[in-house]
């Protein structure tokens, strides 16, 4: 069942009582997962201060690391994008329960470059594996990707372009801003289902 705000909060209050208020997910700052965790926090606590949107959210280098934080009690909830290829491990883990799910559009994705960088006609493009198909959709003419360099997150992809490890990055608007990249393509969000896990 996809949970709207009222249903999510009803389920939370009646059946799911994590020991820790911390929400764990994929980082670093600027990922779609971070924005989804911010959204979940607002759903669970509508009276929370919007100027402290990331309070109570812990970011990890992988969903698996975030899952370990849930297992050890450092976090009370784990948010995972359903597009993540390895999400099945969380669904199959007998120590976890699926507490619910919600639909949340990601921040806008686009192809970005470091300011002033001369991009070759056949660039190397950093991307997280899950949205990699967007590279071909968004890469503008006359560019043709020479190579896709897979990274652990959209923010890591932005960092690779900033550090000129790659020519371009498929990344989100928050990550592009954080790493001072500029978009060379149109941008668009991804409508995504997010799963929330708790300890059984």
N, C-alpha and C. Protein backbone atom coordinates (compact mmCIF):
# COMPACT_ATOMS: atom_id res chain seq x y z
N UNK A 1 0.84 -1.18 0.00
CA UNK A 1 0.00 0.00 0.00
C UNK A 1 0.88 1.24 0.00
N UNK A 2 0.60 2.19 -0.86
CA UNK A 2 1.30 3.47 -0.85
C UNK A 2 0.60 4.35 0.17
N UNK A 3 1.36 4.94 1.05
CA UNK A 3 0.78 5.65 2.16
C UNK A 3 0.80 7.16 1.93
N UNK A 4 -0.36 7.77 1.93
CA UNK A 4 -0.45 9.21 1.91
C UNK A 4 -0.15 9.72 3.31
N UNK A 5 -0.12 11.05 3.47
CA UNK A 5 0.28 11.60 4.76
C UNK A 5 -0.55 11.05 5.90
N UNK A 6 -1.89 11.09 5.82
CA UNK A 6 -2.72 10.67 6.95
C UNK A 6 -2.55 9.18 7.24
N UNK A 7 -2.52 8.34 6.21
CA UNK A 7 -2.34 6.91 6.42
C UNK A 7 -0.97 6.58 6.97
N UNK A 8 0.06 7.27 6.44
CA UNK A 8 1.41 7.01 6.94
C UNK A 8 1.49 7.30 8.43
N UNK A 9 0.98 8.43 8.85
CA UNK A 9 1.08 8.79 10.26
C UNK A 9 0.26 7.85 11.12
N UNK A 10 -0.90 7.37 10.61
CA UNK A 10 -1.69 6.42 11.38
C UNK A 10 -0.94 5.11 11.60
N UNK A 11 -0.29 4.61 10.55
CA UNK A 11 0.51 3.39 10.67
C UNK A 11 1.66 3.62 11.63
N UNK A 12 2.32 4.77 11.50
CA UNK A 12 3.45 5.08 12.36
C UNK A 12 3.02 5.07 13.83
N UNK A 13 1.93 5.70 14.12
CA UNK A 13 1.52 5.82 15.51
C UNK A 13 1.08 4.49 16.10
N UNK A 14 0.47 3.63 15.27
CA UNK A 14 -0.14 2.42 15.83
C UNK A 14 0.79 1.21 15.86
N UNK A 15 1.71 1.09 14.89
CA UNK A 15 2.46 -0.17 14.80
C UNK A 15 3.97 -0.02 14.75
N UNK A 16 4.49 1.13 14.41
CA UNK A 16 5.92 1.26 14.22
C UNK A 16 6.47 2.25 15.24
N UNK A 17 7.29 1.75 16.16
CA UNK A 17 7.84 2.62 17.20
C UNK A 17 9.36 2.43 17.29
N UNK A 18 10.11 3.01 16.36
CA UNK A 18 11.56 2.86 16.40
C UNK A 18 12.14 3.49 17.67
N UNK A 19 13.20 2.88 18.18
CA UNK A 19 13.87 3.42 19.36
C UNK A 19 14.56 4.74 19.05
N UNK A 20 15.05 4.90 17.82
CA UNK A 20 15.78 6.10 17.44
C UNK A 20 14.95 6.92 16.45
N UNK A 21 14.93 8.25 16.59
CA UNK A 21 14.22 9.09 15.63
C UNK A 21 15.02 9.33 14.34
N UNK A 22 16.26 8.83 14.30
CA UNK A 22 17.14 9.11 13.16
C UNK A 22 16.68 8.35 11.92
N UNK A 23 16.70 9.03 10.79
CA UNK A 23 16.41 8.42 9.49
C UNK A 23 17.73 8.26 8.75
N UNK A 24 18.03 7.03 8.33
CA UNK A 24 19.28 6.74 7.62
C UNK A 24 18.99 6.56 6.14
N UNK A 25 19.89 7.06 5.30
CA UNK A 25 19.75 6.87 3.86
C UNK A 25 21.08 7.14 3.17
N UNK A 26 21.05 7.07 1.84
CA UNK A 26 22.25 7.24 1.02
C UNK A 26 22.67 8.71 0.96
N UNK A 27 23.96 8.96 1.15
CA UNK A 27 24.53 10.29 1.01
C UNK A 27 25.56 10.29 -0.09
N UNK A 28 26.39 11.31 -0.15
CA UNK A 28 26.46 12.46 0.76
C UNK A 28 25.38 13.49 0.45
N UNK A 29 25.51 14.67 1.05
CA UNK A 29 24.53 15.73 0.85
C UNK A 29 24.31 15.99 -0.63
N UNK A 30 23.04 16.23 -0.99
CA UNK A 30 22.70 16.53 -2.37
C UNK A 30 22.05 15.38 -3.11
N UNK A 31 21.96 14.19 -2.49
CA UNK A 31 21.36 13.05 -3.17
C UNK A 31 19.84 13.15 -3.16
N UNK A 32 19.22 12.43 -4.08
CA UNK A 32 17.76 12.31 -4.07
C UNK A 32 17.29 11.63 -2.79
N UNK A 33 18.08 10.69 -2.30
CA UNK A 33 17.72 9.98 -1.07
C UNK A 33 17.65 10.93 0.12
N UNK A 34 18.58 11.87 0.18
CA UNK A 34 18.53 12.86 1.27
C UNK A 34 17.24 13.65 1.19
N UNK A 35 16.85 14.08 -0.01
CA UNK A 35 15.62 14.85 -0.16
C UNK A 35 14.40 14.02 0.21
N UNK A 36 14.42 12.72 -0.14
CA UNK A 36 13.31 11.83 0.24
C UNK A 36 13.23 11.68 1.75
N UNK A 37 14.39 11.60 2.41
CA UNK A 37 14.40 11.49 3.88
C UNK A 37 13.87 12.77 4.52
N UNK A 38 14.21 13.91 3.95
CA UNK A 38 13.67 15.19 4.43
C UNK A 38 12.15 15.19 4.29
N UNK A 39 11.66 14.70 3.16
CA UNK A 39 10.21 14.62 2.93
C UNK A 39 9.56 13.68 3.95
N UNK A 40 10.17 12.53 4.19
CA UNK A 40 9.62 11.59 5.17
C UNK A 40 9.57 12.23 6.55
N UNK A 41 10.63 12.91 6.92
CA UNK A 41 10.65 13.56 8.24
C UNK A 41 9.50 14.55 8.36
N UNK A 42 9.22 15.30 7.29
CA UNK A 42 8.11 16.26 7.32
C UNK A 42 6.76 15.54 7.41
N UNK A 43 6.65 14.36 6.75
CA UNK A 43 5.41 13.58 6.86
C UNK A 43 5.19 13.09 8.28
N UNK A 44 6.26 12.62 8.91
CA UNK A 44 6.15 12.06 10.26
C UNK A 44 6.00 13.13 11.33
N UNK A 45 6.56 14.30 11.07
CA UNK A 45 6.52 15.39 12.05
C UNK A 45 6.19 16.70 11.34
N UNK A 46 4.91 16.92 11.00
CA UNK A 46 4.55 18.11 10.24
C UNK A 46 4.84 19.42 10.97
N UNK A 47 5.04 19.35 12.28
CA UNK A 47 5.33 20.57 13.04
C UNK A 47 6.83 20.85 13.15
N UNK A 48 7.65 20.04 12.49
CA UNK A 48 9.10 20.25 12.57
C UNK A 48 9.49 21.55 11.89
N UNK A 49 10.58 22.11 12.33
CA UNK A 49 11.07 23.39 11.81
C UNK A 49 11.66 23.19 10.41
N UNK A 50 11.05 23.81 9.37
CA UNK A 50 11.57 23.60 8.00
C UNK A 50 12.97 24.15 7.79
N UNK A 51 13.41 25.06 8.66
CA UNK A 51 14.78 25.59 8.51
C UNK A 51 15.81 24.58 9.01
N UNK A 52 15.35 23.53 9.69
CA UNK A 52 16.24 22.45 10.15
C UNK A 52 15.83 21.14 9.48
N UNK A 53 15.64 21.21 8.15
CA UNK A 53 15.06 20.09 7.40
C UNK A 53 15.89 18.82 7.50
N UNK A 54 17.20 18.93 7.62
CA UNK A 54 18.05 17.74 7.63
C UNK A 54 18.36 17.25 9.05
N UNK A 55 17.79 17.90 10.05
CA UNK A 55 18.01 17.43 11.43
C UNK A 55 17.44 16.03 11.59
N UNK A 56 18.21 15.16 12.21
CA UNK A 56 17.75 13.80 12.43
C UNK A 56 17.92 12.89 11.23
N UNK A 57 18.64 13.34 10.21
CA UNK A 57 18.89 12.52 9.03
C UNK A 57 20.38 12.24 8.95
N UNK A 58 20.74 10.96 8.85
CA UNK A 58 22.13 10.56 8.74
C UNK A 58 22.38 9.99 7.35
N UNK A 59 23.43 10.45 6.70
CA UNK A 59 23.76 10.03 5.35
C UNK A 59 24.97 9.10 5.37
N UNK A 60 24.89 8.06 4.53
CA UNK A 60 25.93 7.03 4.48
C UNK A 60 26.42 6.83 3.05
N UNK A 61 27.57 6.20 2.91
CA UNK A 61 28.18 6.01 1.60
C UNK A 61 27.42 5.01 0.73
N UNK A 62 26.59 4.20 1.33
CA UNK A 62 25.79 3.24 0.57
C UNK A 62 24.53 2.95 1.36
N UNK A 63 23.53 2.39 0.68
CA UNK A 63 22.32 1.96 1.40
C UNK A 63 22.66 0.85 2.38
N UNK A 64 23.63 0.02 2.02
CA UNK A 64 24.03 -1.06 2.93
C UNK A 64 24.60 -0.51 4.23
N UNK A 65 25.43 0.54 4.14
CA UNK A 65 25.97 1.17 5.35
C UNK A 65 24.84 1.78 6.18
N UNK A 66 23.88 2.39 5.50
CA UNK A 66 22.71 2.94 6.20
C UNK A 66 21.93 1.82 6.88
N UNK A 67 21.84 0.66 6.19
CA UNK A 67 21.17 -0.49 6.78
C UNK A 67 21.86 -0.99 8.03
N UNK A 68 23.19 -0.92 8.06
CA UNK A 68 23.93 -1.32 9.26
C UNK A 68 23.61 -0.39 10.43
N UNK A 69 23.44 0.90 10.12
CA UNK A 69 23.08 1.86 11.18
C UNK A 69 21.71 1.52 11.75
N UNK A 70 20.80 1.06 10.90
CA UNK A 70 19.49 0.63 11.38
C UNK A 70 19.64 -0.62 12.25
N UNK A 71 20.45 -1.56 11.81
CA UNK A 71 20.63 -2.83 12.55
C UNK A 71 21.23 -2.60 13.92
N UNK A 72 22.13 -1.63 14.05
CA UNK A 72 22.79 -1.38 15.33
C UNK A 72 22.02 -0.42 16.23
N UNK A 73 20.92 0.13 15.73
CA UNK A 73 20.12 1.05 16.53
C UNK A 73 20.56 2.50 16.44
N UNK A 74 21.57 2.78 15.60
CA UNK A 74 21.98 4.18 15.41
C UNK A 74 20.89 4.97 14.70
N UNK A 75 20.07 4.26 13.94
CA UNK A 75 18.96 4.88 13.22
C UNK A 75 17.70 4.07 13.49
N UNK A 76 16.55 4.73 13.38
CA UNK A 76 15.28 4.05 13.60
C UNK A 76 14.55 3.69 12.33
N UNK A 77 14.92 4.37 11.23
CA UNK A 77 14.29 4.11 9.93
C UNK A 77 15.34 4.17 8.84
N UNK A 78 15.09 3.39 7.79
CA UNK A 78 15.95 3.37 6.62
C UNK A 78 15.10 3.68 5.40
N UNK A 79 15.51 4.67 4.61
CA UNK A 79 14.80 5.05 3.38
C UNK A 79 15.63 4.58 2.19
N UNK A 80 14.99 3.80 1.29
CA UNK A 80 15.67 3.26 0.11
C UNK A 80 14.81 3.52 -1.12
N UNK A 81 15.44 4.01 -2.18
CA UNK A 81 14.74 4.21 -3.45
C UNK A 81 14.42 2.85 -4.06
N UNK A 82 13.20 2.67 -4.54
CA UNK A 82 12.83 1.40 -5.14
C UNK A 82 13.52 1.15 -6.47
N UNK A 83 14.16 2.17 -7.04
CA UNK A 83 14.95 1.98 -8.27
C UNK A 83 16.31 1.36 -7.97
N UNK A 84 16.69 1.30 -6.70
CA UNK A 84 17.99 0.76 -6.34
C UNK A 84 18.03 -0.74 -6.62
N UNK A 85 19.04 -1.17 -7.37
CA UNK A 85 19.11 -2.56 -7.83
C UNK A 85 19.21 -3.55 -6.68
N UNK A 86 19.78 -3.14 -5.55
CA UNK A 86 19.97 -4.06 -4.44
C UNK A 86 18.91 -3.97 -3.36
N UNK A 87 17.78 -3.34 -3.65
CA UNK A 87 16.75 -3.16 -2.61
C UNK A 87 16.19 -4.50 -2.13
N UNK A 88 16.28 -5.54 -2.97
CA UNK A 88 15.74 -6.85 -2.57
C UNK A 88 16.37 -7.36 -1.27
N UNK A 89 17.63 -6.99 -1.01
CA UNK A 89 18.27 -7.50 0.22
C UNK A 89 17.57 -6.98 1.47
N UNK A 90 17.02 -5.78 1.38
CA UNK A 90 16.30 -5.23 2.54
C UNK A 90 14.93 -5.88 2.69
N UNK A 91 14.26 -6.14 1.56
CA UNK A 91 12.97 -6.81 1.61
C UNK A 91 13.10 -8.23 2.15
N UNK A 92 14.21 -8.91 1.84
CA UNK A 92 14.39 -10.31 2.24
C UNK A 92 15.00 -10.47 3.62
N UNK A 93 15.52 -9.41 4.19
CA UNK A 93 16.19 -9.50 5.48
C UNK A 93 15.17 -9.79 6.58
N UNK A 94 15.29 -10.94 7.26
CA UNK A 94 14.29 -11.30 8.29
C UNK A 94 14.33 -10.39 9.51
N UNK A 95 15.38 -9.60 9.64
CA UNK A 95 15.48 -8.69 10.78
C UNK A 95 14.77 -7.36 10.55
N UNK A 96 14.30 -7.14 9.30
CA UNK A 96 13.68 -5.87 8.96
C UNK A 96 12.20 -6.03 8.65
N UNK A 97 11.46 -4.97 8.87
CA UNK A 97 10.06 -4.88 8.46
C UNK A 97 9.91 -3.70 7.51
N UNK A 98 9.07 -3.86 6.50
CA UNK A 98 8.69 -2.74 5.66
C UNK A 98 7.63 -1.95 6.41
N UNK A 99 7.96 -0.74 6.82
CA UNK A 99 7.03 0.07 7.60
C UNK A 99 6.04 0.80 6.70
N UNK A 100 6.40 1.02 5.44
CA UNK A 100 5.52 1.73 4.53
C UNK A 100 6.28 2.20 3.32
N UNK A 101 5.58 2.93 2.47
CA UNK A 101 6.18 3.45 1.26
C UNK A 101 5.51 4.77 0.92
N UNK A 102 6.22 5.59 0.17
CA UNK A 102 5.63 6.86 -0.26
C UNK A 102 6.19 7.23 -1.63
N UNK A 103 5.40 7.96 -2.38
CA UNK A 103 5.83 8.46 -3.69
C UNK A 103 6.35 9.87 -3.50
N UNK A 104 7.54 10.10 -4.05
CA UNK A 104 8.15 11.43 -3.92
C UNK A 104 9.01 11.68 -5.15
N UNK A 105 8.75 12.76 -5.84
CA UNK A 105 9.56 13.11 -7.00
C UNK A 105 10.96 13.51 -6.56
N UNK A 106 11.94 13.02 -7.26
CA UNK A 106 13.32 13.42 -6.98
C UNK A 106 13.51 14.88 -7.34
N UNK A 107 14.59 15.50 -6.87
CA UNK A 107 14.98 16.79 -7.42
C UNK A 107 15.24 16.62 -8.93
N UNK A 108 15.27 17.71 -9.64
CA UNK A 108 15.52 17.63 -11.08
C UNK A 108 16.92 17.08 -11.36
N UNK A 109 16.98 16.15 -12.32
CA UNK A 109 18.24 15.60 -12.81
C UNK A 109 18.62 16.28 -14.11
N UNK A 110 19.93 16.40 -14.35
CA UNK A 110 20.41 16.92 -15.62
C UNK A 110 21.88 16.59 -15.78
N UNK A 111 22.41 16.95 -16.94
CA UNK A 111 23.83 16.76 -17.24
C UNK A 111 24.55 18.07 -16.92
N UNK A 112 25.57 17.97 -16.07
CA UNK A 112 26.26 19.17 -15.59
C UNK A 112 27.76 19.06 -15.79
N UNK A 113 28.40 20.23 -15.85
CA UNK A 113 29.85 20.30 -16.01
C UNK A 113 30.44 21.28 -15.01
N UNK A 114 31.74 21.14 -14.78
CA UNK A 114 32.46 22.13 -13.97
C UNK A 114 32.51 23.42 -14.77
N UNK A 115 32.33 24.53 -14.10
CA UNK A 115 32.33 25.82 -14.78
C UNK A 115 33.66 26.05 -15.48
N UNK A 116 33.58 26.41 -16.76
CA UNK A 116 34.78 26.71 -17.55
C UNK A 116 35.45 25.50 -18.17
N UNK A 117 34.98 24.30 -17.86
CA UNK A 117 35.60 23.09 -18.41
C UNK A 117 35.22 22.92 -19.88
N UNK A 118 36.22 22.66 -20.71
CA UNK A 118 35.98 22.41 -22.13
C UNK A 118 35.58 20.94 -22.30
N UNK A 119 34.34 20.70 -22.62
CA UNK A 119 33.83 19.33 -22.72
C UNK A 119 34.08 18.80 -24.13
N UNK A 120 34.75 17.64 -24.25
CA UNK A 120 34.98 17.07 -25.59
C UNK A 120 33.68 16.54 -26.19
N UNK A 121 33.70 16.27 -27.48
CA UNK A 121 32.51 15.78 -28.18
C UNK A 121 32.09 14.41 -27.66
N UNK A 122 33.08 13.62 -27.17
CA UNK A 122 32.78 12.30 -26.61
C UNK A 122 33.21 12.27 -25.14
N UNK A 123 32.39 12.84 -24.27
CA UNK A 123 32.78 12.99 -22.87
C UNK A 123 32.61 11.71 -22.05
N UNK A 124 33.34 11.66 -20.96
CA UNK A 124 33.13 10.66 -19.92
C UNK A 124 32.12 11.25 -18.94
N UNK A 125 31.08 10.48 -18.62
CA UNK A 125 29.98 10.99 -17.81
C UNK A 125 29.85 10.17 -16.53
N UNK A 126 29.92 10.83 -15.39
CA UNK A 126 29.73 10.16 -14.10
C UNK A 126 28.24 10.05 -13.80
N UNK A 127 27.83 8.91 -13.29
CA UNK A 127 26.42 8.70 -12.94
C UNK A 127 26.28 7.59 -11.91
N UNK A 128 25.27 7.69 -11.09
CA UNK A 128 24.87 6.56 -10.25
C UNK A 128 24.23 5.54 -11.19
N UNK A 129 24.34 4.23 -10.92
CA UNK A 129 23.78 3.24 -11.84
C UNK A 129 22.26 3.35 -12.05
N UNK A 130 21.51 3.69 -10.99
CA UNK A 130 20.04 3.66 -11.10
C UNK A 130 19.49 4.59 -12.17
N UNK A 131 19.93 5.87 -12.25
CA UNK A 131 19.38 6.75 -13.29
C UNK A 131 20.21 6.81 -14.56
N UNK A 132 21.14 5.88 -14.75
CA UNK A 132 22.08 5.96 -15.88
C UNK A 132 21.40 6.08 -17.24
N UNK A 133 20.20 5.49 -17.38
CA UNK A 133 19.49 5.58 -18.66
C UNK A 133 19.17 7.02 -19.05
N UNK A 134 19.11 7.90 -18.07
CA UNK A 134 18.82 9.31 -18.36
C UNK A 134 19.95 10.00 -19.11
N UNK A 135 21.17 9.45 -19.05
CA UNK A 135 22.29 10.09 -19.74
C UNK A 135 21.97 10.23 -21.21
N UNK A 136 21.53 9.14 -21.85
CA UNK A 136 21.23 9.19 -23.28
C UNK A 136 20.06 10.11 -23.58
N UNK A 137 19.10 10.16 -22.66
CA UNK A 137 17.94 11.02 -22.86
C UNK A 137 18.31 12.50 -22.76
N UNK A 138 19.16 12.85 -21.81
CA UNK A 138 19.41 14.26 -21.51
C UNK A 138 20.67 14.84 -22.16
N UNK A 139 21.61 13.97 -22.55
CA UNK A 139 22.86 14.47 -23.12
C UNK A 139 22.55 15.23 -24.42
N UNK A 140 22.88 16.53 -24.46
CA UNK A 140 22.48 17.32 -25.64
C UNK A 140 23.39 17.07 -26.84
N UNK A 141 22.85 17.36 -28.00
CA UNK A 141 23.63 17.36 -29.24
C UNK A 141 24.67 18.47 -29.10
N UNK A 142 25.91 18.29 -29.52
CA UNK A 142 26.45 17.23 -30.36
C UNK A 142 27.19 16.16 -29.59
N UNK A 143 26.98 16.06 -28.27
CA UNK A 143 27.76 15.14 -27.46
C UNK A 143 27.28 13.70 -27.60
N UNK A 144 28.23 12.77 -27.54
CA UNK A 144 27.96 11.34 -27.46
C UNK A 144 28.85 10.78 -26.35
N UNK A 145 28.24 10.12 -25.40
CA UNK A 145 29.01 9.63 -24.26
C UNK A 145 30.05 8.60 -24.70
N UNK A 146 31.29 8.85 -24.32
CA UNK A 146 32.38 7.91 -24.60
C UNK A 146 32.34 6.77 -23.58
N UNK A 147 32.02 7.13 -22.32
CA UNK A 147 32.06 6.15 -21.23
C UNK A 147 31.17 6.65 -20.10
N UNK A 148 30.45 5.73 -19.46
CA UNK A 148 29.73 6.04 -18.23
C UNK A 148 30.58 5.56 -17.07
N UNK A 149 30.89 6.46 -16.17
CA UNK A 149 31.68 6.14 -14.99
C UNK A 149 30.71 6.03 -13.82
N UNK A 150 30.53 4.82 -13.28
CA UNK A 150 29.54 4.60 -12.23
C UNK A 150 30.06 5.05 -10.87
N UNK A 151 29.20 5.75 -10.14
CA UNK A 151 29.54 6.27 -8.82
C UNK A 151 28.53 5.76 -7.80
N UNK A 152 28.79 6.04 -6.54
CA UNK A 152 27.93 5.53 -5.48
C UNK A 152 26.69 6.38 -5.25
N UNK A 153 26.64 7.59 -5.80
CA UNK A 153 25.48 8.47 -5.61
C UNK A 153 25.52 9.58 -6.65
N UNK A 154 24.41 10.31 -6.75
CA UNK A 154 24.37 11.46 -7.66
C UNK A 154 25.31 12.56 -7.16
N UNK A 155 25.47 12.66 -5.86
CA UNK A 155 26.38 13.67 -5.31
C UNK A 155 27.83 13.29 -5.61
N UNK A 156 28.15 12.00 -5.53
CA UNK A 156 29.50 11.56 -5.88
C UNK A 156 29.78 11.79 -7.36
N UNK A 157 28.75 11.64 -8.20
CA UNK A 157 28.91 11.94 -9.62
C UNK A 157 29.24 13.41 -9.83
N UNK A 158 28.54 14.28 -9.11
CA UNK A 158 28.81 15.72 -9.21
C UNK A 158 30.23 16.03 -8.77
N UNK A 159 30.67 15.38 -7.70
CA UNK A 159 32.03 15.60 -7.20
C UNK A 159 33.06 15.18 -8.23
N UNK A 160 32.79 14.07 -8.94
CA UNK A 160 33.73 13.60 -9.97
C UNK A 160 33.86 14.63 -11.09
N UNK A 161 32.75 15.24 -11.48
CA UNK A 161 32.82 16.28 -12.52
C UNK A 161 33.52 17.53 -12.01
N UNK A 162 33.23 17.90 -10.77
CA UNK A 162 33.89 19.06 -10.18
C UNK A 162 35.40 18.89 -10.14
N UNK A 163 35.84 17.68 -9.78
CA UNK A 163 37.28 17.40 -9.66
C UNK A 163 37.91 17.04 -11.00
N UNK A 164 37.12 17.12 -12.09
CA UNK A 164 37.57 16.82 -13.46
C UNK A 164 38.05 15.37 -13.62
N UNK A 165 37.53 14.50 -12.77
CA UNK A 165 37.76 13.07 -12.97
C UNK A 165 36.93 12.57 -14.16
N UNK A 166 35.84 13.26 -14.42
CA UNK A 166 35.01 13.02 -15.61
C UNK A 166 34.70 14.38 -16.23
N UNK A 167 34.21 14.35 -17.46
CA UNK A 167 33.87 15.60 -18.14
C UNK A 167 32.52 16.14 -17.69
N UNK A 168 31.60 15.23 -17.42
CA UNK A 168 30.23 15.60 -17.09
C UNK A 168 29.70 14.70 -15.99
N UNK A 169 28.57 15.11 -15.44
CA UNK A 169 27.89 14.28 -14.44
C UNK A 169 26.39 14.33 -14.68
N UNK A 170 25.75 13.17 -14.55
CA UNK A 170 24.30 13.15 -14.41
C UNK A 170 24.04 13.31 -12.92
N UNK A 171 23.41 14.42 -12.54
CA UNK A 171 23.27 14.71 -11.12
C UNK A 171 22.01 15.52 -10.86
N UNK A 172 21.77 15.80 -9.60
CA UNK A 172 20.58 16.55 -9.20
C UNK A 172 20.91 18.02 -9.02
N UNK A 173 19.86 18.84 -9.01
CA UNK A 173 20.06 20.27 -8.80
C UNK A 173 20.76 20.57 -7.47
N UNK A 174 20.34 19.93 -6.34
CA UNK A 174 21.06 20.22 -5.09
C UNK A 174 22.54 19.85 -5.14
N UNK A 175 22.87 18.70 -5.74
CA UNK A 175 24.27 18.27 -5.82
C UNK A 175 25.05 19.17 -6.76
N UNK A 176 24.44 19.58 -7.86
CA UNK A 176 25.12 20.50 -8.79
C UNK A 176 25.44 21.81 -8.10
N UNK A 177 24.50 22.33 -7.34
CA UNK A 177 24.73 23.59 -6.62
C UNK A 177 25.82 23.43 -5.57
N UNK A 178 25.77 22.31 -4.85
CA UNK A 178 26.75 22.05 -3.79
C UNK A 178 28.17 22.00 -4.35
N UNK A 179 28.31 21.42 -5.56
CA UNK A 179 29.64 21.25 -6.15
C UNK A 179 29.94 22.28 -7.24
N UNK A 180 29.11 23.31 -7.31
CA UNK A 180 29.32 24.46 -8.20
C UNK A 180 29.43 24.05 -9.67
N UNK A 181 28.51 23.16 -10.08
CA UNK A 181 28.44 22.75 -11.48
C UNK A 181 27.36 23.55 -12.19
N UNK A 182 27.43 23.56 -13.52
CA UNK A 182 26.37 24.20 -14.30
C UNK A 182 25.80 23.18 -15.28
N UNK A 183 24.48 23.23 -15.45
CA UNK A 183 23.81 22.29 -16.34
C UNK A 183 23.99 22.70 -17.79
N UNK A 184 24.20 21.69 -18.64
CA UNK A 184 24.29 21.93 -20.08
C UNK A 184 23.10 21.28 -20.79
N UNK A 185 22.19 20.71 -20.02
CA UNK A 185 21.03 20.02 -20.59
C UNK A 185 19.78 20.53 -19.91
N UNK A 186 18.64 20.12 -20.46
CA UNK A 186 17.40 20.33 -19.74
C UNK A 186 17.42 19.43 -18.51
N UNK A 187 16.54 19.68 -17.58
CA UNK A 187 16.47 18.87 -16.36
C UNK A 187 15.06 18.34 -16.20
N UNK A 188 14.96 17.25 -15.45
CA UNK A 188 13.63 16.70 -15.14
C UNK A 188 13.70 15.85 -13.88
N UNK A 189 12.58 15.75 -13.17
CA UNK A 189 12.55 14.88 -11.99
C UNK A 189 12.23 13.44 -12.39
N UNK A 190 12.35 12.55 -11.43
CA UNK A 190 11.94 11.15 -11.59
C UNK A 190 10.87 10.88 -10.53
N UNK A 191 9.72 10.42 -10.94
CA UNK A 191 8.70 10.02 -9.96
C UNK A 191 9.13 8.69 -9.37
N UNK A 192 9.32 8.67 -8.07
CA UNK A 192 9.97 7.51 -7.43
C UNK A 192 9.14 7.01 -6.26
N UNK A 193 9.13 5.69 -6.10
CA UNK A 193 8.58 5.07 -4.90
C UNK A 193 9.74 4.82 -3.93
N UNK A 194 9.53 5.17 -2.69
CA UNK A 194 10.55 5.02 -1.64
C UNK A 194 10.03 4.06 -0.59
N UNK A 195 10.86 3.11 -0.18
CA UNK A 195 10.49 2.16 0.88
C UNK A 195 11.15 2.57 2.18
N UNK A 196 10.41 2.37 3.26
CA UNK A 196 10.91 2.70 4.60
C UNK A 196 10.93 1.43 5.43
N UNK A 197 12.11 1.10 5.92
CA UNK A 197 12.30 -0.12 6.70
C UNK A 197 12.59 0.23 8.17
N UNK A 198 12.16 -0.66 9.07
CA UNK A 198 12.49 -0.55 10.49
C UNK A 198 12.94 -1.92 10.97
N UNK A 199 13.54 -1.96 12.14
CA UNK A 199 13.90 -3.24 12.74
C UNK A 199 12.65 -3.99 13.17
N UNK A 200 12.64 -5.28 12.95
CA UNK A 200 11.50 -6.10 13.33
C UNK A 200 11.44 -6.26 14.84
